[in-house]
């Protein structure tokens, strides 16, 4: 599986050109991309990256990738990131690593988002992977009730649990928030659910990435597949 992730990362690296400004994703697959990018940088490639988490920042610095912030540059050419699930419309569930807020900010600031994954992440319908919802700790009970109402209105339901860290304490994101993971099994209308969750005051962000991925690079036993997002009629 790790080799498949590296193959997907290597294929995405082929899209990188000298002088590009890159968003650097978070997670095990994105880490392969950062490591391979570092090899190219040491060989003379001139790029600059914006990391989506403190973990990625550490990896990029270790690999010698120059870094900047979205306060210092006005856009990104490409963001390369992983995903927990990808559907045929290239809607995503992300946030298993806890960096969904920064990941979405960086993806939205990019001309293109390339998703890299092994082909086990390709699903006909999102929802098998728990949906992360990043929340403010204050008023959590009210926020959870509002989330449950949004789920019901969108035709989904499932158990919710506050994410715990490996030490047993509540997991805290880089932004100082908590994450509620929802076991929904099947999300019939990802764009509708994304809109509903975005209206809840205590929700900082959610792990549904709608319309952000422009292509997906999937590595499997039969090689690499590249899927481009279909453009709506009239585009």
C-alpha atoms as a PDB file:
ATOM      1  CA  UNK A   1       0.000   0.000   0.000  1.00  0.00           C
ATOM      2  CA  UNK A   2       2.806   2.402   0.843  1.00  0.00           C
ATOM      3  CA  UNK A   3       4.387   1.746  -2.556  1.00  0.00           C
ATOM      4  CA  UNK A   4       1.087   2.562  -4.286  1.00  0.00           C
ATOM      5  CA  UNK A   5       0.897   5.856  -2.418  1.00  0.00           C
ATOM      6  CA  UNK A   6       4.413   6.720  -3.551  1.00  0.00           C
ATOM      7  CA  UNK A   7       3.544   5.868  -7.164  1.00  0.00           C
ATOM      8  CA  UNK A   8       0.565   8.248  -7.042  1.00  0.00           C
ATOM      9  CA  UNK A   9       2.771  10.962  -5.539  1.00  0.00           C
ATOM     10  CA  UNK A  10       5.391  10.460  -8.266  1.00  0.00           C
ATOM     11  CA  UNK A  11       2.756  10.815 -10.984  1.00  0.00           C
ATOM     12  CA  UNK A  12       1.477  14.073  -9.459  1.00  0.00           C
ATOM     13  CA  UNK A  13       5.030  15.384  -9.291  1.00  0.00           C
ATOM     14  CA  UNK A  14       5.139  15.215 -13.104  1.00  0.00           C
ATOM     15  CA  UNK A  15       2.708  18.179 -13.130  1.00  0.00           C
ATOM     16  CA  UNK A  16       5.102  20.428 -11.206  1.00  0.00           C
ATOM     17  CA  UNK A  17       7.089  22.988 -13.182  1.00  0.00           C
ATOM     18  CA  UNK A  18       9.924  25.343 -12.300  1.00  0.00           C
ATOM     19  CA  UNK A  19       8.711  28.488 -10.545  1.00  0.00           C
ATOM     20  CA  UNK A  20       5.431  27.032  -9.270  1.00  0.00           C
ATOM     21  CA  UNK A  21       3.816  27.894  -5.954  1.00  0.00           C
ATOM     22  CA  UNK A  22       2.494  24.695  -4.389  1.00  0.00           C
ATOM     23  CA  UNK A  23       0.081  23.698  -1.664  1.00  0.00           C
ATOM     24  CA  UNK A  24       1.512  20.787   0.312  1.00  0.00           C
ATOM     25  CA  UNK A  25      -1.075  18.408   1.736  1.00  0.00           C
ATOM     26  CA  UNK A  26      -1.142  16.446   4.967  1.00  0.00           C
ATOM     27  CA  UNK A  27      -1.139  12.702   5.595  1.00  0.00           C
ATOM     28  CA  UNK A  28       0.803   9.603   4.620  1.00  0.00           C
ATOM     29  CA  UNK A  29       0.304   9.937   0.845  1.00  0.00           C
ATOM     30  CA  UNK A  30       1.056  13.669   0.800  1.00  0.00           C
ATOM     31  CA  UNK A  31       4.206  12.975   2.804  1.00  0.00           C
ATOM     32  CA  UNK A  32       5.511  10.891  -0.101  1.00  0.00           C
ATOM     33  CA  UNK A  33       4.908  13.841  -2.421  1.00  0.00           C
ATOM     34  CA  UNK A  34       6.840  16.182  -0.133  1.00  0.00           C
ATOM     35  CA  UNK A  35       9.753  13.739   0.040  1.00  0.00           C
ATOM     36  CA  UNK A  36       9.878  13.292  -3.743  1.00  0.00           C
ATOM     37  CA  UNK A  37       9.527  17.055  -4.228  1.00  0.00           C
ATOM     38  CA  UNK A  38      12.475  17.560  -1.904  1.00  0.00           C
ATOM     39  CA  UNK A  39      14.597  15.310  -4.128  1.00  0.00           C
ATOM     40  CA  UNK A  40      13.698  17.465  -7.144  1.00  0.00           C
ATOM     41  CA  UNK A  41      14.452  20.666  -5.218  1.00  0.00           C
ATOM     42  CA  UNK A  42      17.883  19.370  -4.253  1.00  0.00           C
ATOM     43  CA  UNK A  43      18.434  18.626  -7.966  1.00  0.00           C
ATOM     44  CA  UNK A  44      17.714  22.258  -8.868  1.00  0.00           C
ATOM     45  CA  UNK A  45      13.900  22.630  -9.148  1.00  0.00           C
ATOM     46  CA  UNK A  46      12.779  26.096  -8.048  1.00  0.00           C
ATOM     47  CA  UNK A  47       9.416  25.998  -6.233  1.00  0.00           C
ATOM     48  CA  UNK A  48       7.914  27.312  -3.022  1.00  0.00           C
ATOM     49  CA  UNK A  49       5.305  25.587  -0.873  1.00  0.00           C
ATOM     50  CA  UNK A  50       2.527  26.367   1.587  1.00  0.00           C
ATOM     51  CA  UNK A  51       2.086  23.538   4.126  1.00  0.00           C
ATOM     52  CA  UNK A  52      -1.391  22.555   5.316  1.00  0.00           C
ATOM     53  CA  UNK A  53      -0.297  21.469   8.789  1.00  0.00           C
ATOM     54  CA  UNK A  54       2.525  21.771  11.272  1.00  0.00           C
ATOM     55  CA  UNK A  55       3.436  18.142  10.510  1.00  0.00           C
ATOM     56  CA  UNK A  56       3.800  18.943   6.805  1.00  0.00           C
ATOM     57  CA  UNK A  57       5.793  22.058   7.633  1.00  0.00           C
ATOM     58  CA  UNK A  58       8.239  19.888   9.584  1.00  0.00           C
ATOM     59  CA  UNK A  59       8.474  17.334   6.746  1.00  0.00           C
ATOM     60  CA  UNK A  60       9.026  20.040   4.113  1.00  0.00           C
ATOM     61  CA  UNK A  61      11.758  21.708   6.119  1.00  0.00           C
ATOM     62  CA  UNK A  62      13.447  18.352   6.644  1.00  0.00           C
ATOM     63  CA  UNK A  63      13.309  17.709   2.886  1.00  0.00           C
ATOM     64  CA  UNK A  64      14.626  21.163   1.985  1.00  0.00           C
ATOM     65  CA  UNK A  65      11.455  22.501   0.331  1.00  0.00           C
ATOM     66  CA  UNK A  66      11.282  26.330   0.602  1.00  0.00           C
ATOM     67  CA  UNK A  67       8.122  27.525   2.352  1.00  0.00           C
ATOM     68  CA  UNK A  68       5.917  30.596   2.411  1.00  0.00           C
ATOM     69  CA  UNK A  69       2.399  31.514   3.583  1.00  0.00           C
ATOM     70  CA  UNK A  70      -0.829  32.659   1.951  1.00  0.00           C
ATOM     71  CA  UNK A  71      -0.196  36.063   3.551  1.00  0.00           C
ATOM     72  CA  UNK A  72       2.916  36.437   1.420  1.00  0.00           C
ATOM     73  CA  UNK A  73       1.654  35.154  -1.955  1.00  0.00           C
ATOM     74  CA  UNK A  74      -1.686  35.717  -3.685  1.00  0.00           C
ATOM     75  CA  UNK A  75      -2.392  32.268  -5.169  1.00  0.00           C
ATOM     76  CA  UNK A  76      -1.117  28.724  -5.598  1.00  0.00           C
ATOM     77  CA  UNK A  77      -0.638  26.963  -8.922  1.00  0.00           C
ATOM     78  CA  UNK A  78      -1.294  23.443  -7.642  1.00  0.00           C
ATOM     79  CA  UNK A  79      -2.160  21.806  -4.347  1.00  0.00           C
ATOM     80  CA  UNK A  80      -1.316  18.122  -4.032  1.00  0.00           C
ATOM     81  CA  UNK A  81      -3.072  16.329  -1.192  1.00  0.00           C
ATOM     82  CA  UNK A  82      -4.491  12.965  -0.232  1.00  0.00           C
ATOM     83  CA  UNK A  83      -8.070  12.016   0.616  1.00  0.00           C
ATOM     84  CA  UNK A  84      -9.900   9.550   2.811  1.00  0.00           C
ATOM     85  CA  UNK A  85     -12.578   8.940   0.154  1.00  0.00           C
ATOM     86  CA  UNK A  86     -13.093  10.041  -3.466  1.00  0.00           C
ATOM     87  CA  UNK A  87     -16.349   9.627  -5.401  1.00  0.00           C
ATOM     88  CA  UNK A  88     -16.867   9.668  -9.206  1.00  0.00           C
ATOM     89  CA  UNK A  89     -17.679  13.408  -9.119  1.00  0.00           C
ATOM     90  CA  UNK A  90     -14.341  13.962  -7.327  1.00  0.00           C
ATOM     91  CA  UNK A  91     -16.124  15.008  -4.157  1.00  0.00           C
ATOM     92  CA  UNK A  92     -13.923  14.100  -1.206  1.00  0.00           C
ATOM     93  CA  UNK A  93     -13.973  13.245   2.451  1.00  0.00           C
ATOM     94  CA  UNK A  94     -10.837  14.596   4.093  1.00  0.00           C
ATOM     95  CA  UNK A  95      -9.739  15.255   7.646  1.00  0.00           C
ATOM     96  CA  UNK A  96      -8.718  11.847   8.924  1.00  0.00           C
ATOM     97  CA  UNK A  97      -5.410  13.461   9.860  1.00  0.00           C
ATOM     98  CA  UNK A  98      -7.130  16.422  11.493  1.00  0.00           C
ATOM     99  CA  UNK A  99      -5.917  19.141   9.106  1.00  0.00           C
ATOM    100  CA  UNK A 100      -9.149  19.691   7.127  1.00  0.00           C
ATOM    101  CA  UNK A 101      -9.473  23.432   7.842  1.00  0.00           C
ATOM    102  CA  UNK A 102      -6.019  24.396   6.595  1.00  0.00           C
ATOM    103  CA  UNK A 103      -6.288  21.853   3.771  1.00  0.00           C
ATOM    104  CA  UNK A 104      -9.504  23.451   2.517  1.00  0.00           C
ATOM    105  CA  UNK A 105      -8.122  27.008   2.782  1.00  0.00           C
ATOM    106  CA  UNK A 106      -5.067  26.020   0.742  1.00  0.00           C
ATOM    107  CA  UNK A 107      -7.075  24.029  -1.817  1.00  0.00           C
ATOM    108  CA  UNK A 108      -9.480  26.944  -2.338  1.00  0.00           C
ATOM    109  CA  UNK A 109      -6.529  29.289  -2.968  1.00  0.00           C
ATOM    110  CA  UNK A 110      -5.169  27.014  -5.719  1.00  0.00           C
ATOM    111  CA  UNK A 111      -5.707  27.024  -9.463  1.00  0.00           C
ATOM    112  CA  UNK A 112      -5.773  23.210  -9.375  1.00  0.00           C
ATOM    113  CA  UNK A 113      -6.047  20.533  -6.702  1.00  0.00           C
ATOM    114  CA  UNK A 114      -4.593  17.126  -7.508  1.00  0.00           C
ATOM    115  CA  UNK A 115      -5.706  14.345  -5.177  1.00  0.00           C
ATOM    116  CA  UNK A 116      -3.317  11.420  -4.801  1.00  0.00           C
ATOM    117  CA  UNK A 117      -4.345   8.086  -3.288  1.00  0.00           C
ATOM    118  CA  UNK A 118      -4.245   4.341  -3.585  1.00  0.00           C
ATOM    119  CA  UNK A 119      -7.319   3.029  -5.368  1.00  0.00           C
ATOM    120  CA  UNK A 120      -8.940   1.762  -2.153  1.00  0.00           C
ATOM    121  CA  UNK A 121      -9.993   5.390  -1.551  1.00  0.00           C
ATOM    122  CA  UNK A 122     -12.192   5.381  -4.686  1.00  0.00           C
ATOM    123  CA  UNK A 123     -15.828   4.751  -3.674  1.00  0.00           C
ATOM    124  CA  UNK A 124     -19.173   4.898  -5.507  1.00  0.00           C
ATOM    125  CA  UNK A 125     -20.738   6.948  -2.689  1.00  0.00           C
ATOM    126  CA  UNK A 126     -19.093   8.901   0.135  1.00  0.00           C
ATOM    127  CA  UNK A 127     -19.753   8.009   3.753  1.00  0.00           C
ATOM    128  CA  UNK A 128     -18.070   4.749   4.647  1.00  0.00           C
ATOM    129  CA  UNK A 129     -15.191   6.774   6.129  1.00  0.00           C
ATOM    130  CA  UNK A 130     -16.351   8.836   9.143  1.00  0.00           C
ATOM    131  CA  UNK A 131     -17.071  12.448   8.234  1.00  0.00           C
ATOM    132  CA  UNK A 132     -14.924  14.839  10.314  1.00  0.00           C
ATOM    133  CA  UNK A 133     -16.592  18.047  11.476  1.00  0.00           C
ATOM    134  CA  UNK A 134     -14.281  20.611  13.082  1.00  0.00           C
ATOM    135  CA  UNK A 135     -16.055  22.419  15.912  1.00  0.00           C
ATOM    136  CA  UNK A 136     -15.469  25.055  18.568  1.00  0.00           C
ATOM    137  CA  UNK A 137     -15.436  23.442  22.056  1.00  0.00           C
ATOM    138  CA  UNK A 138     -17.715  26.165  23.478  1.00  0.00           C
ATOM    139  CA  UNK A 139     -21.373  25.161  23.260  1.00  0.00           C
ATOM    140  CA  UNK A 140     -20.552  21.722  21.915  1.00  0.00           C
ATOM    141  CA  UNK A 141     -23.888  20.231  23.009  1.00  0.00           C
ATOM    142  CA  UNK A 142     -25.843  22.845  21.039  1.00  0.00           C
ATOM    143  CA  UNK A 143     -23.553  22.392  18.042  1.00  0.00           C
ATOM    144  CA  UNK A 144     -24.028  18.633  18.074  1.00  0.00           C
ATOM    145  CA  UNK A 145     -27.812  19.021  18.174  1.00  0.00           C
ATOM    146  CA  UNK A 146     -27.617  21.388  15.203  1.00  0.00           C
ATOM    147  CA  UNK A 147     -25.425  18.894  13.334  1.00  0.00           C
ATOM    148  CA  UNK A 148     -27.931  16.099  14.044  1.00  0.00           C
ATOM    149  CA  UNK A 149     -30.725  18.320  12.677  1.00  0.00           C
ATOM    150  CA  UNK A 150     -28.707  19.028   9.536  1.00  0.00           C
ATOM    151  CA  UNK A 151     -28.095  15.302   9.090  1.00  0.00           C
ATOM    152  CA  UNK A 152     -31.814  14.552   9.400  1.00  0.00           C
ATOM    153  CA  UNK A 153     -32.735  17.249   6.890  1.00  0.00           C
ATOM    154  CA  UNK A 154     -30.220  15.778   4.422  1.00  0.00           C
ATOM    155  CA  UNK A 155     -31.440  12.209   4.847  1.00  0.00           C
ATOM    156  CA  UNK A 156     -28.484  10.805   6.772  1.00  0.00           C
ATOM    157  CA  UNK A 157     -27.928   9.715  10.352  1.00  0.00           C
ATOM    158  CA  UNK A 158     -25.243   8.088  12.429  1.00  0.00           C
ATOM    159  CA  UNK A 159     -23.277   8.047  15.627  1.00  0.00           C
ATOM    160  CA  UNK A 160     -21.055  11.021  16.451  1.00  0.00           C
ATOM    161  CA  UNK A 161     -18.013  10.993  18.705  1.00  0.00           C
ATOM    162  CA  UNK A 162     -15.470  13.601  19.715  1.00  0.00           C
ATOM    163  CA  UNK A 163     -12.111  12.486  18.337  1.00  0.00           C
ATOM    164  CA  UNK A 164      -9.519  11.387  20.854  1.00  0.00           C
ATOM    165  CA  UNK A 165      -5.738  11.626  20.499  1.00  0.00           C
ATOM    166  CA  UNK A 166      -3.444   8.652  20.974  1.00  0.00           C
ATOM    167  CA  UNK A 167      -2.918   9.628  24.612  1.00  0.00           C
ATOM    168  CA  UNK A 168      -6.667   9.394  25.294  1.00  0.00           C
ATOM    169  CA  UNK A 169      -7.229  13.133  25.605  1.00  0.00           C
ATOM    170  CA  UNK A 170      -9.404  15.114  23.198  1.00  0.00           C
ATOM    171  CA  UNK A 171      -7.698  15.621  19.833  1.00  0.00           C
ATOM    172  CA  UNK A 172      -6.970  19.316  19.254  1.00  0.00           C
ATOM    173  CA  UNK A 173      -6.400  20.639  15.733  1.00  0.00           C
ATOM    174  CA  UNK A 174      -3.623  23.019  14.728  1.00  0.00           C
ATOM    175  CA  UNK A 175      -6.251  25.772  14.985  1.00  0.00           C
ATOM    176  CA  UNK A 176      -7.147  24.850  18.567  1.00  0.00           C
ATOM    177  CA  UNK A 177     -10.508  23.238  17.731  1.00  0.00           C
ATOM    178  CA  UNK A 178     -12.043  19.806  18.294  1.00  0.00           C
ATOM    179  CA  UNK A 179     -13.265  17.276  15.731  1.00  0.00           C
ATOM    180  CA  UNK A 180     -16.518  15.341  15.840  1.00  0.00           C
ATOM    181  CA  UNK A 181     -16.440  12.221  13.645  1.00  0.00           C
ATOM    182  CA  UNK A 182     -19.802  11.111  12.234  1.00  0.00           C
ATOM    183  CA  UNK A 183     -20.417   7.524  11.081  1.00  0.00           C
ATOM    184  CA  UNK A 184     -22.904   8.159   8.280  1.00  0.00           C
ATOM    185  CA  UNK A 185     -22.234   5.118   6.025  1.00  0.00           C
ATOM    186  CA  UNK A 186     -23.800   6.692   2.916  1.00  0.00           C
ATOM    187  CA  UNK A 187     -24.054  10.389   2.017  1.00  0.00           C
ATOM    188  CA  UNK A 188     -26.659  10.669  -0.733  1.00  0.00           C
ATOM    189  CA  UNK A 189     -26.204  14.413  -1.381  1.00  0.00           C
ATOM    190  CA  UNK A 190     -22.680  15.573  -0.461  1.00  0.00           C
ATOM    191  CA  UNK A 191     -23.110  19.168  -1.780  1.00  0.00           C
ATOM    192  CA  UNK A 192     -26.391  19.584   0.138  1.00  0.00           C
ATOM    193  CA  UNK A 193     -24.907  18.266   3.366  1.00  0.00           C
ATOM    194  CA  UNK A 194     -21.854  20.496   2.931  1.00  0.00           C
ATOM    195  CA  UNK A 195     -24.084  23.551   2.608  1.00  0.00           C
ATOM    196  CA  UNK A 196     -26.162  22.565   5.651  1.00  0.00           C
ATOM    197  CA  UNK A 197     -23.125  22.022   7.887  1.00  0.00           C
ATOM    198  CA  UNK A 198     -21.580  25.327   6.785  1.00  0.00           C
ATOM    199  CA  UNK A 199     -24.537  27.282   8.202  1.00  0.00           C
ATOM    200  CA  UNK A 200     -24.050  26.015  11.787  1.00  0.00           C
ATOM    201  CA  UNK A 201     -22.322  28.673  13.950  1.00  0.00           C
ATOM    202  CA  UNK A 202     -20.287  26.214  16.046  1.00  0.00           C
ATOM    203  CA  UNK A 203     -18.955  24.364  12.988  1.00  0.00           C
ATOM    204  CA  UNK A 204     -15.602  25.779  11.910  1.00  0.00           C
ATOM    205  CA  UNK A 205     -15.292  23.505   8.859  1.00  0.00           C
ATOM    206  CA  UNK A 206     -16.234  20.018   7.662  1.00  0.00           C
ATOM    207  CA  UNK A 207     -14.456  17.294   5.735  1.00  0.00           C
ATOM    208  CA  UNK A 208     -16.629  17.409   2.597  1.00  0.00           C
ATOM    209  CA  UNK A 209     -14.526  18.913  -0.194  1.00  0.00           C
ATOM    210  CA  UNK A 210     -16.978  19.750  -2.966  1.00  0.00           C
ATOM    211  CA  UNK A 211     -15.835  21.045  -6.355  1.00  0.00           C
ATOM    212  CA  UNK A 212     -12.242  21.590  -5.237  1.00  0.00           C
ATOM    213  CA  UNK A 213     -10.426  18.602  -6.733  1.00  0.00           C
ATOM    214  CA  UNK A 214      -9.662  19.028 -10.425  1.00  0.00           C
ATOM    215  CA  UNK A 215      -8.105  15.583 -10.852  1.00  0.00           C
ATOM    216  CA  UNK A 216      -7.358  12.406  -8.937  1.00  0.00           C
ATOM    217  CA  UNK A 217      -4.314  10.180  -9.363  1.00  0.00           C
ATOM    218  CA  UNK A 218      -5.112   6.650  -8.178  1.00  0.00           C
ATOM    219  CA  UNK A 219      -2.467   3.939  -7.887  1.00  0.00           C
ATOM    220  CA  UNK A 220      -3.496   0.289  -7.929  1.00  0.00           C
ATOM    221  CA  UNK A 221      -2.302  -3.161  -8.840  1.00  0.00           C
ATOM    222  CA  UNK A 222      -2.936  -2.481 -12.530  1.00  0.00           C
ATOM    223  CA  UNK A 223      -1.096   0.839 -12.584  1.00  0.00           C
ATOM    224  CA  UNK A 224      -2.010   4.513 -12.400  1.00  0.00           C
ATOM    225  CA  UNK A 225      -5.400   5.990 -13.271  1.00  0.00           C
ATOM    226  CA  UNK A 226      -5.911   9.737 -13.685  1.00  0.00           C
ATOM    227  CA  UNK A 227      -9.511  10.936 -13.401  1.00  0.00           C
ATOM    228  CA  UNK A 228     -10.412  14.492 -14.394  1.00  0.00           C
ATOM    229  CA  UNK A 229     -13.423  16.240 -12.874  1.00  0.00           C
ATOM    230  CA  UNK A 230     -16.283  16.535 -15.342  1.00  0.00           C
ATOM    231  CA  UNK A 231     -17.182  20.137 -16.115  1.00  0.00           C
ATOM    232  CA  UNK A 232     -20.856  21.109 -15.853  1.00  0.00           C
ATOM    233  CA  UNK A 233     -22.637  21.620 -19.146  1.00  0.00           C
ATOM    234  CA  UNK A 234     -22.166  25.141 -20.408  1.00  0.00           C
ATOM    235  CA  UNK A 235     -18.649  25.564 -19.004  1.00  0.00           C
END
